[in-house]
Amino acid sequence: MNQTDAIQPRLTDFVDVQTLQLLQDGFAEVTGIATSIRDVEGNALTRPSEPSAFCLLVNASPGGAEACRLGHAEASRSILGLHETCRYRCHAGLTQLVAPIVVEDRQLGAIIMGDRPLGKFDEEAMTVLARRHDLAGDELEKAARLLKPWSEAEMSSAARFVQQLANTIAATQICIAPEG
């Protein structure tokens, strides 16, 4: 372990990936909403649960997978220092909720959930996305039509729920040794 690791603990120092995956899978199964748990840099700690056909299609393209990876990293970093769930719009135009996992005022990770539009997809935006990632436009459009748009009430409810899940994960942590 290097000196940086001693200063900044990781979520997986306290909860094993298998337990995180089980919590995440249960949450996603109950809500039907795509979910993943990330470290503070946005790297995946778990496999995505309940991914949509749209996201699976985009991630099947190397360029799409890289854009999603970069987007998750940006979403995770965007909430550093915050203690509340925030909205994030991904490169494909989907809205995600990002909740920090905080233990003793230290962010150890994030839960990203959602991958749903706020409204109907713009056909021109679908065409651009399909071209950018070398995807079949008709398949992408078909998958986009299957996505259920968020309502404000659903987003508010989901934000509270995902933050409670993040808090529950944080509460399972053992005490982090004080610095110094």
C-alpha atoms as a PDB file:
ATOM      1  CA  MET A   1       0.000   0.000   0.000  1.00  0.00           C
ATOM      2  CA  ASN A   2       1.416   3.373  -0.968  1.00  0.00           C
ATOM      3  CA  GLN A   3       1.210   6.540   1.122  1.00  0.00           C
ATOM      4  CA  THR A   4      -1.756   7.915  -0.856  1.00  0.00           C
ATOM      5  CA  ASP A   5      -3.758   4.747  -0.158  1.00  0.00           C
ATOM      6  CA  ALA A   6      -3.167   5.192   3.580  1.00  0.00           C
ATOM      7  CA  ILE A   7      -4.528   8.756   3.407  1.00  0.00           C
ATOM      8  CA  GLN A   8      -7.530   8.096   1.154  1.00  0.00           C
ATOM      9  CA  PRO A   9      -9.370   4.888   2.004  1.00  0.00           C
ATOM     10  CA  ARG A  10     -11.370   3.156  -0.707  1.00  0.00           C
ATOM     11  CA  LEU A  11     -14.926   1.908  -0.462  1.00  0.00           C
ATOM     12  CA  THR A  12     -13.683  -1.625  -1.107  1.00  0.00           C
ATOM     13  CA  ASP A  13     -11.475  -1.362   1.994  1.00  0.00           C
ATOM     14  CA  PHE A  14     -14.710  -1.579   3.998  1.00  0.00           C
ATOM     15  CA  VAL A  15     -17.261  -3.390   1.852  1.00  0.00           C
ATOM     16  CA  ASP A  16     -16.317  -6.150  -0.535  1.00  0.00           C
ATOM     17  CA  VAL A  17     -17.387  -5.882  -4.179  1.00  0.00           C
ATOM     18  CA  GLN A  18     -19.661  -8.915  -3.857  1.00  0.00           C
ATOM     19  CA  THR A  19     -21.702  -7.207  -1.106  1.00  0.00           C
ATOM     20  CA  LEU A  20     -21.860  -3.967  -3.100  1.00  0.00           C
ATOM     21  CA  GLN A  21     -23.066  -5.946  -6.121  1.00  0.00           C
ATOM     22  CA  LEU A  22     -25.778  -7.665  -4.076  1.00  0.00           C
ATOM     23  CA  LEU A  23     -27.043  -4.348  -2.654  1.00  0.00           C
ATOM     24  CA  GLN A  24     -26.980  -2.736  -6.078  1.00  0.00           C
ATOM     25  CA  ASP A  25     -28.683  -5.686  -7.791  1.00  0.00           C
ATOM     26  CA  GLY A  26     -31.445  -5.679  -5.174  1.00  0.00           C
ATOM     27  CA  PHE A  27     -31.994  -1.941  -5.551  1.00  0.00           C
ATOM     28  CA  ALA A  28     -32.097  -2.155  -9.351  1.00  0.00           C
ATOM     29  CA  GLU A  29     -34.396  -5.172  -9.316  1.00  0.00           C
ATOM     30  CA  VAL A  30     -36.891  -3.454  -7.008  1.00  0.00           C
ATOM     31  CA  THR A  31     -36.838  -0.139  -8.883  1.00  0.00           C
ATOM     32  CA  GLY A  32     -36.198  -1.376 -12.425  1.00  0.00           C
ATOM     33  CA  ILE A  33     -33.673   1.435 -12.786  1.00  0.00           C
ATOM     34  CA  ALA A  34     -30.151   0.934 -14.150  1.00  0.00           C
ATOM     35  CA  THR A  35     -27.575   1.287 -11.363  1.00  0.00           C
ATOM     36  CA  SER A  36     -23.814   1.035 -10.828  1.00  0.00           C
ATOM     37  CA  ILE A  37     -21.411   1.782  -7.990  1.00  0.00           C
ATOM     38  CA  ARG A  38     -18.224   3.708  -8.739  1.00  0.00           C
ATOM     39  CA  ASP A  39     -15.088   4.747  -6.888  1.00  0.00           C
ATOM     40  CA  VAL A  40     -14.310   8.457  -6.416  1.00  0.00           C
ATOM     41  CA  GLU A  41     -12.613   8.600  -9.828  1.00  0.00           C
ATOM     42  CA  GLY A  42     -15.672   7.083 -11.501  1.00  0.00           C
ATOM     43  CA  ASN A  43     -14.187   3.635 -12.143  1.00  0.00           C
ATOM     44  CA  ALA A  44     -16.721   0.824 -11.980  1.00  0.00           C
ATOM     45  CA  LEU A  45     -16.625  -1.210  -8.769  1.00  0.00           C
ATOM     46  CA  THR A  46     -19.653  -3.281  -9.773  1.00  0.00           C
ATOM     47  CA  ARG A  47     -21.210  -4.575 -12.958  1.00  0.00           C
ATOM     48  CA  PRO A  48     -24.172  -2.457 -14.115  1.00  0.00           C
ATOM     49  CA  SER A  49     -27.532  -3.759 -12.893  1.00  0.00           C
ATOM     50  CA  GLU A  50     -30.642  -3.516 -15.087  1.00  0.00           C
ATOM     51  CA  PRO A  51     -28.932  -1.732 -18.016  1.00  0.00           C
ATOM     52  CA  SER A  52     -31.307  -0.643 -20.767  1.00  0.00           C
ATOM     53  CA  ALA A  53     -31.176  -2.034 -24.305  1.00  0.00           C
ATOM     54  CA  PHE A  54     -30.203   1.495 -25.379  1.00  0.00           C
ATOM     55  CA  CYS A  55     -27.158   1.604 -23.088  1.00  0.00           C
ATOM     56  CA  LEU A  56     -26.147  -1.943 -24.006  1.00  0.00           C
ATOM     57  CA  LEU A  57     -26.236  -0.952 -27.668  1.00  0.00           C
ATOM     58  CA  VAL A  58     -24.192   2.224 -27.116  1.00  0.00           C
ATOM     59  CA  ASN A  59     -21.681   0.303 -24.975  1.00  0.00           C
ATOM     60  CA  ALA A  60     -21.284  -2.341 -27.695  1.00  0.00           C
ATOM     61  CA  SER A  61     -19.386   0.275 -29.709  1.00  0.00           C
ATOM     62  CA  PRO A  62     -15.810   1.020 -28.573  1.00  0.00           C
ATOM     63  CA  GLY A  63     -16.415   4.766 -28.944  1.00  0.00           C
ATOM     64  CA  GLY A  64     -19.728   4.560 -27.104  1.00  0.00           C
ATOM     65  CA  ALA A  65     -18.216   2.499 -24.276  1.00  0.00           C
ATOM     66  CA  GLU A  66     -15.400   5.036 -23.897  1.00  0.00           C
ATOM     67  CA  ALA A  67     -17.852   7.960 -23.897  1.00  0.00           C
ATOM     68  CA  CYS A  68     -19.895   6.208 -21.194  1.00  0.00           C
ATOM     69  CA  ARG A  69     -16.769   5.486 -19.134  1.00  0.00           C
ATOM     70  CA  LEU A  70     -15.668   9.117 -19.351  1.00  0.00           C
ATOM     71  CA  GLY A  71     -19.183  10.299 -18.517  1.00  0.00           C
ATOM     72  CA  HIS A  72     -19.359   8.113 -15.412  1.00  0.00           C
ATOM     73  CA  ALA A  73     -15.978   9.439 -14.302  1.00  0.00           C
ATOM     74  CA  GLU A  74     -17.163  13.027 -14.807  1.00  0.00           C
ATOM     75  CA  ALA A  75     -20.445  12.338 -12.987  1.00  0.00           C
ATOM     76  CA  SER A  76     -18.584  10.826 -10.034  1.00  0.00           C
ATOM     77  CA  ARG A  77     -16.159  13.745  -9.836  1.00  0.00           C
ATOM     78  CA  SER A  78     -18.970  16.294 -10.196  1.00  0.00           C
ATOM     79  CA  ILE A  79     -20.292  15.434  -6.734  1.00  0.00           C
ATOM     80  CA  LEU A  80     -16.977  15.490  -4.875  1.00  0.00           C
ATOM     81  CA  GLY A  81     -17.473  17.439  -1.666  1.00  0.00           C
ATOM     82  CA  LEU A  82     -21.269  17.317  -1.938  1.00  0.00           C
ATOM     83  CA  HIS A  83     -23.441  15.294   0.392  1.00  0.00           C
ATOM     84  CA  GLU A  84     -26.535  15.067  -1.760  1.00  0.00           C
ATOM     85  CA  THR A  85     -27.774  13.389  -4.890  1.00  0.00           C
ATOM     86  CA  CYS A  86     -27.311  15.409  -8.082  1.00  0.00           C
ATOM     87  CA  ARG A  87     -28.563  15.115 -11.647  1.00  0.00           C
ATOM     88  CA  TYR A  88     -26.147  14.458 -14.470  1.00  0.00           C
ATOM     89  CA  ARG A  89     -26.816  14.343 -18.212  1.00  0.00           C
ATOM     90  CA  CYS A  90     -24.727  11.761 -20.053  1.00  0.00           C
ATOM     91  CA  HIS A  91     -23.215  12.069 -23.540  1.00  0.00           C
ATOM     92  CA  ALA A  92     -26.211  10.227 -25.014  1.00  0.00           C
ATOM     93  CA  GLY A  93     -28.698  12.690 -23.519  1.00  0.00           C
ATOM     94  CA  LEU A  94     -29.944  10.486 -20.683  1.00  0.00           C
ATOM     95  CA  THR A  95     -30.430  11.829 -17.176  1.00  0.00           C
ATOM     96  CA  GLN A  96     -28.728  10.042 -14.312  1.00  0.00           C
ATOM     97  CA  LEU A  97     -28.817  10.557 -10.572  1.00  0.00           C
ATOM     98  CA  VAL A  98     -25.459  10.475  -8.818  1.00  0.00           C
ATOM     99  CA  ALA A  99     -25.353   9.930  -5.051  1.00  0.00           C
ATOM    100  CA  PRO A 100     -22.137  10.202  -3.034  1.00  0.00           C
ATOM    101  CA  ILE A 101     -21.161   7.431  -0.621  1.00  0.00           C
ATOM    102  CA  VAL A 102     -19.657   9.409   2.266  1.00  0.00           C
ATOM    103  CA  VAL A 103     -18.123   8.061   5.464  1.00  0.00           C
ATOM    104  CA  GLU A 104     -16.920  10.438   8.159  1.00  0.00           C
ATOM    105  CA  ASP A 105     -16.933  13.329   5.685  1.00  0.00           C
ATOM    106  CA  ARG A 106     -14.866  11.400   3.117  1.00  0.00           C
ATOM    107  CA  GLN A 107     -16.373  10.485  -0.208  1.00  0.00           C
ATOM    108  CA  LEU A 108     -15.495   6.877  -0.959  1.00  0.00           C
ATOM    109  CA  GLY A 109     -17.592   6.368  -4.051  1.00  0.00           C
ATOM    110  CA  ALA A 110     -20.824   7.089  -5.842  1.00  0.00           C
ATOM    111  CA  ILE A 111     -23.962   5.346  -6.954  1.00  0.00           C
ATOM    112  CA  ILE A 112     -25.033   6.237 -10.484  1.00  0.00           C
ATOM    113  CA  MET A 113     -28.551   5.360 -11.479  1.00  0.00           C
ATOM    114  CA  GLY A 114     -31.056   6.272 -14.108  1.00  0.00           C
ATOM    115  CA  ASP A 115     -30.046   6.296 -17.725  1.00  0.00           C
ATOM    116  CA  ARG A 116     -33.461   7.636 -18.625  1.00  0.00           C
ATOM    117  CA  PRO A 117     -34.508  10.629 -20.736  1.00  0.00           C
ATOM    118  CA  LEU A 118     -36.382  13.622 -19.372  1.00  0.00           C
ATOM    119  CA  GLY A 119     -38.592  13.573 -22.446  1.00  0.00           C
ATOM    120  CA  LYS A 120     -38.822  12.211 -25.959  1.00  0.00           C
ATOM    121  CA  PHE A 121     -35.533  11.803 -27.827  1.00  0.00           C
ATOM    122  CA  ASP A 122     -34.794  14.197 -30.655  1.00  0.00           C
ATOM    123  CA  GLU A 123     -34.449  12.281 -33.949  1.00  0.00           C
ATOM    124  CA  GLU A 124     -31.539  14.440 -35.083  1.00  0.00           C
ATOM    125  CA  ALA A 125     -29.702  13.794 -31.807  1.00  0.00           C
ATOM    126  CA  MET A 126     -30.216  10.029 -32.332  1.00  0.00           C
ATOM    127  CA  THR A 127     -28.776  10.276 -35.830  1.00  0.00           C
ATOM    128  CA  VAL A 128     -25.711  12.172 -34.570  1.00  0.00           C
ATOM    129  CA  LEU A 129     -25.184   9.692 -31.727  1.00  0.00           C
ATOM    130  CA  ALA A 130     -25.504   6.718 -34.094  1.00  0.00           C
ATOM    131  CA  ARG A 131     -22.971   8.224 -36.529  1.00  0.00           C
ATOM    132  CA  ARG A 132     -20.544   9.230 -33.778  1.00  0.00           C
ATOM    133  CA  HIS A 133     -20.402   5.687 -32.397  1.00  0.00           C
ATOM    134  CA  ASP A 134     -20.909   3.768 -35.651  1.00  0.00           C
ATOM    135  CA  LEU A 135     -24.252   2.342 -34.550  1.00  0.00           C
ATOM    136  CA  ALA A 136     -27.269   1.275 -36.584  1.00  0.00           C
ATOM    137  CA  GLY A 137     -29.580   4.288 -36.368  1.00  0.00           C
ATOM    138  CA  ASP A 138     -32.790   2.276 -36.608  1.00  0.00           C
ATOM    139  CA  GLU A 139     -31.706  -0.063 -33.783  1.00  0.00           C
ATOM    140  CA  LEU A 140     -30.683   2.863 -31.594  1.00  0.00           C
ATOM    141  CA  GLU A 141     -33.985   4.627 -32.266  1.00  0.00           C
ATOM    142  CA  LYS A 142     -35.948   1.465 -31.438  1.00  0.00           C
ATOM    143  CA  ALA A 143     -34.017   1.047 -28.158  1.00  0.00           C
ATOM    144  CA  ALA A 144     -34.545   4.743 -27.325  1.00  0.00           C
ATOM    145  CA  ARG A 145     -38.318   4.366 -27.713  1.00  0.00           C
ATOM    146  CA  LEU A 146     -38.241   1.653 -25.006  1.00  0.00           C
ATOM    147  CA  LEU A 147     -36.757   4.066 -22.440  1.00  0.00           C
ATOM    148  CA  LYS A 148     -39.258   5.391 -19.931  1.00  0.00           C
ATOM    149  CA  PRO A 149     -38.844   9.152 -19.448  1.00  0.00           C
ATOM    150  CA  TRP A 150     -38.376  10.482 -15.925  1.00  0.00           C
ATOM    151  CA  SER A 151     -41.152  12.496 -14.354  1.00  0.00           C
ATOM    152  CA  GLU A 152     -40.197  15.088 -11.736  1.00  0.00           C
ATOM    153  CA  ALA A 153     -41.963  13.036  -9.049  1.00  0.00           C
ATOM    154  CA  GLU A 154     -40.093   9.857 -10.040  1.00  0.00           C
ATOM    155  CA  MET A 155     -36.771  11.694 -10.077  1.00  0.00           C
ATOM    156  CA  SER A 156     -37.382  13.177  -6.626  1.00  0.00           C
ATOM    157  CA  SER A 157     -38.434   9.820  -5.204  1.00  0.00           C
ATOM    158  CA  ALA A 158     -35.533   7.990  -6.855  1.00  0.00           C
ATOM    159  CA  ALA A 159     -33.071  10.635  -5.631  1.00  0.00           C
ATOM    160  CA  ARG A 160     -34.217  10.156  -2.035  1.00  0.00           C
ATOM    161  CA  PHE A 161     -34.081   6.385  -2.389  1.00  0.00           C
ATOM    162  CA  VAL A 162     -30.633   6.245  -3.986  1.00  0.00           C
ATOM    163  CA  GLN A 163     -29.263   8.631  -1.346  1.00  0.00           C
ATOM    164  CA  GLN A 164     -30.713   6.349   1.351  1.00  0.00           C
ATOM    165  CA  LEU A 165     -28.963   3.409  -0.309  1.00  0.00           C
ATOM    166  CA  ALA A 166     -25.687   5.362  -0.337  1.00  0.00           C
ATOM    167  CA  ASN A 167     -26.196   6.252   3.331  1.00  0.00           C
ATOM    168  CA  THR A 168     -26.918   2.610   4.159  1.00  0.00           C
ATOM    169  CA  ILE A 169     -23.721   1.503   2.445  1.00  0.00           C
ATOM    170  CA  ALA A 170     -21.817   4.202   4.336  1.00  0.00           C
ATOM    171  CA  ALA A 171     -23.404   3.145   7.662  1.00  0.00           C
ATOM    172  CA  THR A 172     -22.090  -0.382   7.207  1.00  0.00           C
ATOM    173  CA  GLN A 173     -18.526   0.918   7.242  1.00  0.00           C
ATOM    174  CA  ILE A 174     -16.267   0.430  10.203  1.00  0.00           C
ATOM    175  CA  CYS A 175     -14.719   3.547  11.685  1.00  0.00           C
ATOM    176  CA  ILE A 176     -12.020   5.070   9.534  1.00  0.00           C
ATOM    177  CA  ALA A 177      -8.882   5.714  11.523  1.00  0.00           C
ATOM    178  CA  PRO A 178      -8.305   9.429  12.101  1.00  0.00           C
ATOM    179  CA  GLU A 179      -5.591  11.087  10.053  1.00  0.00           C
ATOM    180  CA  GLY A 180      -2.259  11.671  11.666  1.00  0.00           C
END
